[in-house]
Amino acid sequence: MLNKFKSFLSTDVETENLRLVNNRPWQCAFTLFNHRETLEQKEYWIWWPDLKMSEGAARVTKFDWDAYERKANPKYGAPTAYLPEDFLDDFERYVYDPEVAVIGQNWLCFDAYVVGSLQISLGRKADFSYLTKLYDTSLICKGLKLDKKPDLDDMLAWQYKLYNEKAKVKTNLKLLATEYGVPYDEERHHAEAIYDTELTAGVFNKIKYVLQ
């Protein structure tokens, strides 16, 4: 199943609130890797002068306005400062490539909506076609814990079924990293999107045997 892909794109976005709509990403990142090594990494801090961080999102991401402005505001010249379209250009270049699989943690039920909304806000089409080659580590691990064999012919439908499955199974990234022996840093988790892509890639590499 995975042999048809030349590489994998682990991606993550941090947002100003926890809603599926009216929610802008202010930090985005990706880690591109194959079965042997990391090929490329990039992080994007996007400057929104009117960013409205909710209390919940700020707490989860350990948000600090001064640090955000230093990294995102172009006037400071930080190499991490990008426009939202810069992120989308790279994102779309990879996720619509048939030889690149997309890896995400909670991507199907959250991040995909955020990126789709960003595409629309910039006058682009919200194109979710890449979801047919998405591997959501949270949902796959949920399936493993429930002893549900992945449907390799239709992973998207299988993952949606798991998303709607009412079961008390914990699959947060901290727990998965601990369970699969992936080195974990509490201070970096959620605070650094690029670190989250590394964690997600690490978990994926531990569970990909069920997708062969």
C-alpha atoms as a PDB file:
ATOM      1  CA  MET A   1       0.000   0.000   0.000  1.00  0.00           C
ATOM      2  CA  LEU A   2       2.707   2.474   0.999  1.00  0.00           C
ATOM      3  CA  ASN A   3       5.179   1.339  -1.648  1.00  0.00           C
ATOM      4  CA  LYS A   4       3.446   3.479  -4.268  1.00  0.00           C
ATOM      5  CA  PHE A   5       4.576   6.635  -2.460  1.00  0.00           C
ATOM      6  CA  LYS A   6       8.072   8.033  -2.850  1.00  0.00           C
ATOM      7  CA  SER A   7       7.781  10.224   0.241  1.00  0.00           C
ATOM      8  CA  PHE A   8       5.550  11.295   3.102  1.00  0.00           C
ATOM      9  CA  LEU A   9       4.570  14.797   4.216  1.00  0.00           C
ATOM     10  CA  SER A  10       3.934  15.170   7.938  1.00  0.00           C
ATOM     11  CA  THR A  11       2.221  18.514   8.424  1.00  0.00           C
ATOM     12  CA  ASP A  12       0.692  20.548  11.247  1.00  0.00           C
ATOM     13  CA  VAL A  13      -0.927  23.930  11.875  1.00  0.00           C
ATOM     14  CA  GLU A  14      -1.427  25.892  15.101  1.00  0.00           C
ATOM     15  CA  THR A  15      -4.485  28.132  15.164  1.00  0.00           C
ATOM     16  CA  GLU A  16      -5.977  31.128  16.929  1.00  0.00           C
ATOM     17  CA  ASN A  17      -8.922  29.159  18.319  1.00  0.00           C
ATOM     18  CA  LEU A  18     -10.227  25.613  18.504  1.00  0.00           C
ATOM     19  CA  ARG A  19     -13.155  26.012  16.095  1.00  0.00           C
ATOM     20  CA  LEU A  20     -13.459  24.436  12.655  1.00  0.00           C
ATOM     21  CA  VAL A  21     -14.546  27.729  11.044  1.00  0.00           C
ATOM     22  CA  ASN A  22     -13.383  31.332  11.372  1.00  0.00           C
ATOM     23  CA  ASN A  23     -10.022  30.073  12.512  1.00  0.00           C
ATOM     24  CA  ARG A  24      -6.682  31.190  11.106  1.00  0.00           C
ATOM     25  CA  PRO A  25      -3.360  29.336  11.310  1.00  0.00           C
ATOM     26  CA  TRP A  26      -0.485  31.410  12.682  1.00  0.00           C
ATOM     27  CA  GLN A  27       2.147  28.687  12.721  1.00  0.00           C
ATOM     28  CA  CYS A  28       2.479  25.937  10.107  1.00  0.00           C
ATOM     29  CA  ALA A  29       5.139  23.357   9.389  1.00  0.00           C
ATOM     30  CA  PHE A  30       5.980  20.212   7.487  1.00  0.00           C
ATOM     31  CA  THR A  31       8.527  17.419   7.566  1.00  0.00           C
ATOM     32  CA  LEU A  32       9.056  15.571   4.293  1.00  0.00           C
ATOM     33  CA  PHE A  33      10.580  12.118   4.708  1.00  0.00           C
ATOM     34  CA  ASN A  34      10.888   8.708   3.093  1.00  0.00           C
ATOM     35  CA  HIS A  35      11.494   5.250   4.537  1.00  0.00           C
ATOM     36  CA  ARG A  36      15.153   6.075   5.170  1.00  0.00           C
ATOM     37  CA  GLU A  37      15.585   9.736   6.068  1.00  0.00           C
ATOM     38  CA  THR A  38      14.202  13.235   6.485  1.00  0.00           C
ATOM     39  CA  LEU A  39      14.283  15.050   3.139  1.00  0.00           C
ATOM     40  CA  GLU A  40      13.115  18.553   3.988  1.00  0.00           C
ATOM     41  CA  GLN A  41      11.657  20.590   6.850  1.00  0.00           C
ATOM     42  CA  LYS A  42      10.119  24.024   6.915  1.00  0.00           C
ATOM     43  CA  GLU A  43       8.206  26.191   9.359  1.00  0.00           C
ATOM     44  CA  TYR A  44       6.033  29.218   8.646  1.00  0.00           C
ATOM     45  CA  TRP A  45       5.080  31.866  11.179  1.00  0.00           C
ATOM     46  CA  ILE A  46       2.259  33.901   9.653  1.00  0.00           C
ATOM     47  CA  TRP A  47       1.700  37.474  10.765  1.00  0.00           C
ATOM     48  CA  TRP A  48      -1.896  38.478  11.497  1.00  0.00           C
ATOM     49  CA  PRO A  49      -1.914  41.947  13.158  1.00  0.00           C
ATOM     50  CA  ASP A  50      -5.455  41.262  14.363  1.00  0.00           C
ATOM     51  CA  LEU A  51      -4.791  37.714  15.576  1.00  0.00           C
ATOM     52  CA  LYS A  52      -7.376  36.815  18.192  1.00  0.00           C
ATOM     53  CA  MET A  53      -6.014  33.987  20.301  1.00  0.00           C
ATOM     54  CA  SER A  54      -8.660  32.251  22.350  1.00  0.00           C
ATOM     55  CA  GLU A  55      -7.832  31.358  25.921  1.00  0.00           C
ATOM     56  CA  GLY A  56      -7.966  27.648  25.139  1.00  0.00           C
ATOM     57  CA  ALA A  57      -5.751  27.834  22.050  1.00  0.00           C
ATOM     58  CA  ALA A  58      -3.238  30.077  23.822  1.00  0.00           C
ATOM     59  CA  ARG A  59      -2.989  27.648  26.712  1.00  0.00           C
ATOM     60  CA  VAL A  60      -2.524  24.584  24.488  1.00  0.00           C
ATOM     61  CA  THR A  61       0.102  26.228  22.267  1.00  0.00           C
ATOM     62  CA  LYS A  62       1.869  28.128  25.078  1.00  0.00           C
ATOM     63  CA  PHE A  63       1.296  31.250  22.994  1.00  0.00           C
ATOM     64  CA  ASP A  64       3.357  34.366  23.749  1.00  0.00           C
ATOM     65  CA  TRP A  65       2.607  37.493  21.722  1.00  0.00           C
ATOM     66  CA  ASP A  66       6.135  38.926  21.874  1.00  0.00           C
ATOM     67  CA  ALA A  67       7.666  35.674  20.640  1.00  0.00           C
ATOM     68  CA  TYR A  68       5.020  35.433  17.938  1.00  0.00           C
ATOM     69  CA  GLU A  69       5.694  38.950  16.679  1.00  0.00           C
ATOM     70  CA  ARG A  70       9.463  38.413  16.597  1.00  0.00           C
ATOM     71  CA  LYS A  71       9.076  35.272  14.487  1.00  0.00           C
ATOM     72  CA  ALA A  72       6.095  36.274  12.327  1.00  0.00           C
ATOM     73  CA  ASN A  73       6.183  40.026  11.764  1.00  0.00           C
ATOM     74  CA  PRO A  74       8.184  40.755   8.570  1.00  0.00           C
ATOM     75  CA  LYS A  75       9.513  43.998  10.028  1.00  0.00           C
ATOM     76  CA  TYR A  76      11.829  41.992  12.301  1.00  0.00           C
ATOM     77  CA  GLY A  77      13.308  40.108   9.362  1.00  0.00           C
ATOM     78  CA  ALA A  78      12.964  36.658  10.916  1.00  0.00           C
ATOM     79  CA  PRO A  79      13.580  33.822   8.427  1.00  0.00           C
ATOM     80  CA  THR A  80      10.416  32.129   9.716  1.00  0.00           C
ATOM     81  CA  ALA A  81       8.111  35.036   8.716  1.00  0.00           C
ATOM     82  CA  TYR A  82       5.875  34.123   5.781  1.00  0.00           C
ATOM     83  CA  LEU A  83       2.641  35.123   4.118  1.00  0.00           C
ATOM     84  CA  PRO A  84      -0.222  32.589   4.291  1.00  0.00           C
ATOM     85  CA  GLU A  85      -0.001  32.071   0.533  1.00  0.00           C
ATOM     86  CA  ASP A  86       3.664  31.056   0.925  1.00  0.00           C
ATOM     87  CA  PHE A  87       2.596  28.172   3.117  1.00  0.00           C
ATOM     88  CA  LEU A  88      -0.234  27.197   0.783  1.00  0.00           C
ATOM     89  CA  ASP A  89       2.051  27.238  -2.259  1.00  0.00           C
ATOM     90  CA  ASP A  90       4.356  24.659  -0.679  1.00  0.00           C
ATOM     91  CA  PHE A  91       1.512  22.700   0.908  1.00  0.00           C
ATOM     92  CA  GLU A  92      -0.356  22.358  -2.382  1.00  0.00           C
ATOM     93  CA  ARG A  93       2.821  21.487  -4.271  1.00  0.00           C
ATOM     94  CA  TYR A  94       3.296  18.435  -2.080  1.00  0.00           C
ATOM     95  CA  VAL A  95      -0.162  17.237  -1.053  1.00  0.00           C
ATOM     96  CA  TYR A  96      -1.515  17.090  -4.602  1.00  0.00           C
ATOM     97  CA  ASP A  97       1.512  15.143  -5.801  1.00  0.00           C
ATOM     98  CA  PRO A  98       0.311  11.529  -6.277  1.00  0.00           C
ATOM     99  CA  GLU A  99       3.699  10.238  -5.132  1.00  0.00           C
ATOM    100  CA  VAL A 100       3.489  11.962  -1.745  1.00  0.00           C
ATOM    101  CA  ALA A 101       1.327  10.602   1.093  1.00  0.00           C
ATOM    102  CA  VAL A 102       0.047  13.023   3.732  1.00  0.00           C
ATOM    103  CA  ILE A 103       0.556  12.313   7.426  1.00  0.00           C
ATOM    104  CA  GLY A 104      -1.227  14.208  10.200  1.00  0.00           C
ATOM    105  CA  GLN A 105      -2.369  13.942  13.805  1.00  0.00           C
ATOM    106  CA  ASN A 106      -6.081  14.823  14.115  1.00  0.00           C
ATOM    107  CA  TRP A 107      -5.777  16.205  10.584  1.00  0.00           C
ATOM    108  CA  LEU A 108      -9.003  14.696   9.264  1.00  0.00           C
ATOM    109  CA  CYS A 109     -11.208  16.198  11.958  1.00  0.00           C
ATOM    110  CA  PHE A 110      -9.493  19.585  12.444  1.00  0.00           C
ATOM    111  CA  ASP A 111      -6.497  20.776  10.437  1.00  0.00           C
ATOM    112  CA  ALA A 112      -8.050  19.883   7.071  1.00  0.00           C
ATOM    113  CA  TYR A 113     -10.912  22.300   7.750  1.00  0.00           C
ATOM    114  CA  VAL A 114      -8.517  25.065   8.784  1.00  0.00           C
ATOM    115  CA  VAL A 115      -6.437  24.725   5.623  1.00  0.00           C
ATOM    116  CA  GLY A 116      -9.575  24.507   3.474  1.00  0.00           C
ATOM    117  CA  SER A 117     -10.852  27.741   4.996  1.00  0.00           C
ATOM    118  CA  LEU A 118      -7.481  29.384   4.373  1.00  0.00           C
ATOM    119  CA  GLN A 119      -7.615  28.350   0.725  1.00  0.00           C
ATOM    120  CA  ILE A 120     -11.050  29.953   0.360  1.00  0.00           C
ATOM    121  CA  SER A 121      -9.990  33.139   2.167  1.00  0.00           C
ATOM    122  CA  LEU A 122      -7.168  33.571  -0.359  1.00  0.00           C
ATOM    123  CA  GLY A 123      -9.470  33.077  -3.338  1.00  0.00           C
ATOM    124  CA  ARG A 124      -8.476  29.492  -3.976  1.00  0.00           C
ATOM    125  CA  LYS A 125     -10.543  26.337  -4.194  1.00  0.00           C
ATOM    126  CA  ALA A 126     -10.900  24.314  -1.005  1.00  0.00           C
ATOM    127  CA  ASP A 127      -9.564  21.118  -2.521  1.00  0.00           C
ATOM    128  CA  PHE A 128      -9.764  18.108  -0.193  1.00  0.00           C
ATOM    129  CA  SER A 129      -8.884  15.542  -2.855  1.00  0.00           C
ATOM    130  CA  TYR A 130      -5.576  14.790  -1.097  1.00  0.00           C
ATOM    131  CA  LEU A 131      -7.499  13.215   1.793  1.00  0.00           C
ATOM    132  CA  THR A 132      -7.703   9.973  -0.202  1.00  0.00           C
ATOM    133  CA  LYS A 133      -3.999   9.524   0.596  1.00  0.00           C
ATOM    134  CA  LEU A 134      -4.113  10.869   4.139  1.00  0.00           C
ATOM    135  CA  TYR A 135      -2.918   8.753   7.061  1.00  0.00           C
ATOM    136  CA  ASP A 136      -4.159  10.230  10.338  1.00  0.00           C
ATOM    137  CA  THR A 137      -2.032   8.798  13.139  1.00  0.00           C
ATOM    138  CA  SER A 138      -4.687   9.481  15.763  1.00  0.00           C
ATOM    139  CA  LEU A 139      -7.356   7.547  13.876  1.00  0.00           C
ATOM    140  CA  ILE A 140      -5.092   4.707  12.777  1.00  0.00           C
ATOM    141  CA  CYS A 141      -3.953   4.184  16.373  1.00  0.00           C
ATOM    142  CA  LYS A 142      -7.572   4.302  17.507  1.00  0.00           C
ATOM    143  CA  GLY A 143      -8.310   1.518  15.049  1.00  0.00           C
ATOM    144  CA  LEU A 144      -5.367  -0.524  16.339  1.00  0.00           C
ATOM    145  CA  LYS A 145      -6.572  -0.153  19.919  1.00  0.00           C
ATOM    146  CA  LEU A 146     -10.044  -1.275  18.885  1.00  0.00           C
ATOM    147  CA  ASP A 147      -8.642  -4.217  16.890  1.00  0.00           C
ATOM    148  CA  LYS A 148     -10.089  -2.879  13.642  1.00  0.00           C
ATOM    149  CA  LYS A 149      -8.087  -3.875  10.593  1.00  0.00           C
ATOM    150  CA  PRO A 150      -7.323  -0.970   8.220  1.00  0.00           C
ATOM    151  CA  ASP A 151      -9.220  -0.975   4.932  1.00  0.00           C
ATOM    152  CA  LEU A 152      -6.271  -0.512   2.598  1.00  0.00           C
ATOM    153  CA  ASP A 153      -8.593  -0.093  -0.390  1.00  0.00           C
ATOM    154  CA  ASP A 154     -10.434   2.874   1.162  1.00  0.00           C
ATOM    155  CA  MET A 155      -8.470   4.361   4.031  1.00  0.00           C
ATOM    156  CA  LEU A 156     -10.448   7.592   3.963  1.00  0.00           C
ATOM    157  CA  ALA A 157     -13.783   5.882   4.610  1.00  0.00           C
ATOM    158  CA  TRP A 158     -12.186   3.647   7.258  1.00  0.00           C
ATOM    159  CA  GLN A 159     -10.740   6.655   9.076  1.00  0.00           C
ATOM    160  CA  TYR A 160     -14.034   8.555   8.946  1.00  0.00           C
ATOM    161  CA  LYS A 161     -15.768   5.535  10.495  1.00  0.00           C
ATOM    162  CA  LEU A 162     -13.242   5.553  13.307  1.00  0.00           C
ATOM    163  CA  TYR A 163     -13.714   9.284  13.794  1.00  0.00           C
ATOM    164  CA  ASN A 164     -17.434   8.636  14.359  1.00  0.00           C
ATOM    165  CA  GLU A 165     -16.799   5.588  16.537  1.00  0.00           C
ATOM    166  CA  LYS A 166     -17.944   6.331  20.089  1.00  0.00           C
ATOM    167  CA  ALA A 167     -15.207   4.646  22.076  1.00  0.00           C
ATOM    168  CA  LYS A 168     -13.202   5.840  25.048  1.00  0.00           C
ATOM    169  CA  VAL A 169      -9.800   5.423  23.479  1.00  0.00           C
ATOM    170  CA  LYS A 170      -7.029   7.960  24.020  1.00  0.00           C
ATOM    171  CA  THR A 171      -4.790   8.700  21.053  1.00  0.00           C
ATOM    172  CA  ASN A 172      -3.307  12.120  21.785  1.00  0.00           C
ATOM    173  CA  LEU A 173       0.181  12.669  20.419  1.00  0.00           C
ATOM    174  CA  LYS A 174       1.891  12.755  23.820  1.00  0.00           C
ATOM    175  CA  LEU A 175       0.419   9.380  24.742  1.00  0.00           C
ATOM    176  CA  LEU A 176       1.208   7.830  21.356  1.00  0.00           C
ATOM    177  CA  ALA A 177       4.806   9.047  21.487  1.00  0.00           C
ATOM    178  CA  THR A 178       5.181   7.503  24.939  1.00  0.00           C
ATOM    179  CA  GLU A 179       3.557   4.215  23.926  1.00  0.00           C
ATOM    180  CA  TYR A 180       5.672   3.824  20.786  1.00  0.00           C
ATOM    181  CA  GLY A 181       8.944   4.980  22.288  1.00  0.00           C
ATOM    182  CA  VAL A 182       9.242   8.224  20.341  1.00  0.00           C
ATOM    183  CA  PRO A 183      11.330  10.800  22.283  1.00  0.00           C
ATOM    184  CA  TYR A 184       9.014  13.456  23.685  1.00  0.00           C
ATOM    185  CA  ASP A 185       9.589  17.033  24.881  1.00  0.00           C
ATOM    186  CA  GLU A 186       6.654  18.544  26.776  1.00  0.00           C
ATOM    187  CA  GLU A 187       7.882  22.120  26.304  1.00  0.00           C
ATOM    188  CA  ARG A 188       8.063  21.841  22.506  1.00  0.00           C
ATOM    189  CA  HIS A 189       4.821  19.941  21.932  1.00  0.00           C
ATOM    190  CA  HIS A 190       2.138  22.262  20.444  1.00  0.00           C
ATOM    191  CA  ALA A 191       4.464  25.242  20.974  1.00  0.00           C
ATOM    192  CA  GLU A 192       6.464  24.311  17.858  1.00  0.00           C
ATOM    193  CA  ALA A 193       4.524  23.053  14.863  1.00  0.00           C
ATOM    194  CA  ILE A 194       7.673  21.665  13.274  1.00  0.00           C
ATOM    195  CA  TYR A 195       8.326  19.545  16.367  1.00  0.00           C
ATOM    196  CA  ASP A 196       4.788  18.189  16.174  1.00  0.00           C
ATOM    197  CA  THR A 197       5.428  17.109  12.573  1.00  0.00           C
ATOM    198  CA  GLU A 198       8.522  15.257  13.769  1.00  0.00           C
ATOM    199  CA  LEU A 199       6.550  13.537  16.529  1.00  0.00           C
ATOM    200  CA  THR A 200       3.796  12.578  14.106  1.00  0.00           C
ATOM    201  CA  ALA A 201       6.326  11.218  11.625  1.00  0.00           C
ATOM    202  CA  GLY A 202       7.919   9.241  14.436  1.00  0.00           C
ATOM    203  CA  VAL A 203       4.625   7.657  15.449  1.00  0.00           C
ATOM    204  CA  PHE A 204       3.740   6.929  11.820  1.00  0.00           C
ATOM    205  CA  ASN A 205       7.025   5.120  11.289  1.00  0.00           C
ATOM    206  CA  LYS A 206       6.164   2.886  14.260  1.00  0.00           C
ATOM    207  CA  ILE A 207       2.689   1.925  12.958  1.00  0.00           C
ATOM    208  CA  LYS A 208       3.167   1.870   9.187  1.00  0.00           C
ATOM    209  CA  TYR A 209       3.613  -1.920   9.237  1.00  0.00           C
ATOM    210  CA  VAL A 210      -0.198  -2.280   9.435  1.00  0.00           C
ATOM    211  CA  LEU A 211      -0.541  -0.345   6.172  1.00  0.00           C
ATOM    212  CA  GLN A 212       1.714  -2.516   4.025  1.00  0.00           C
END
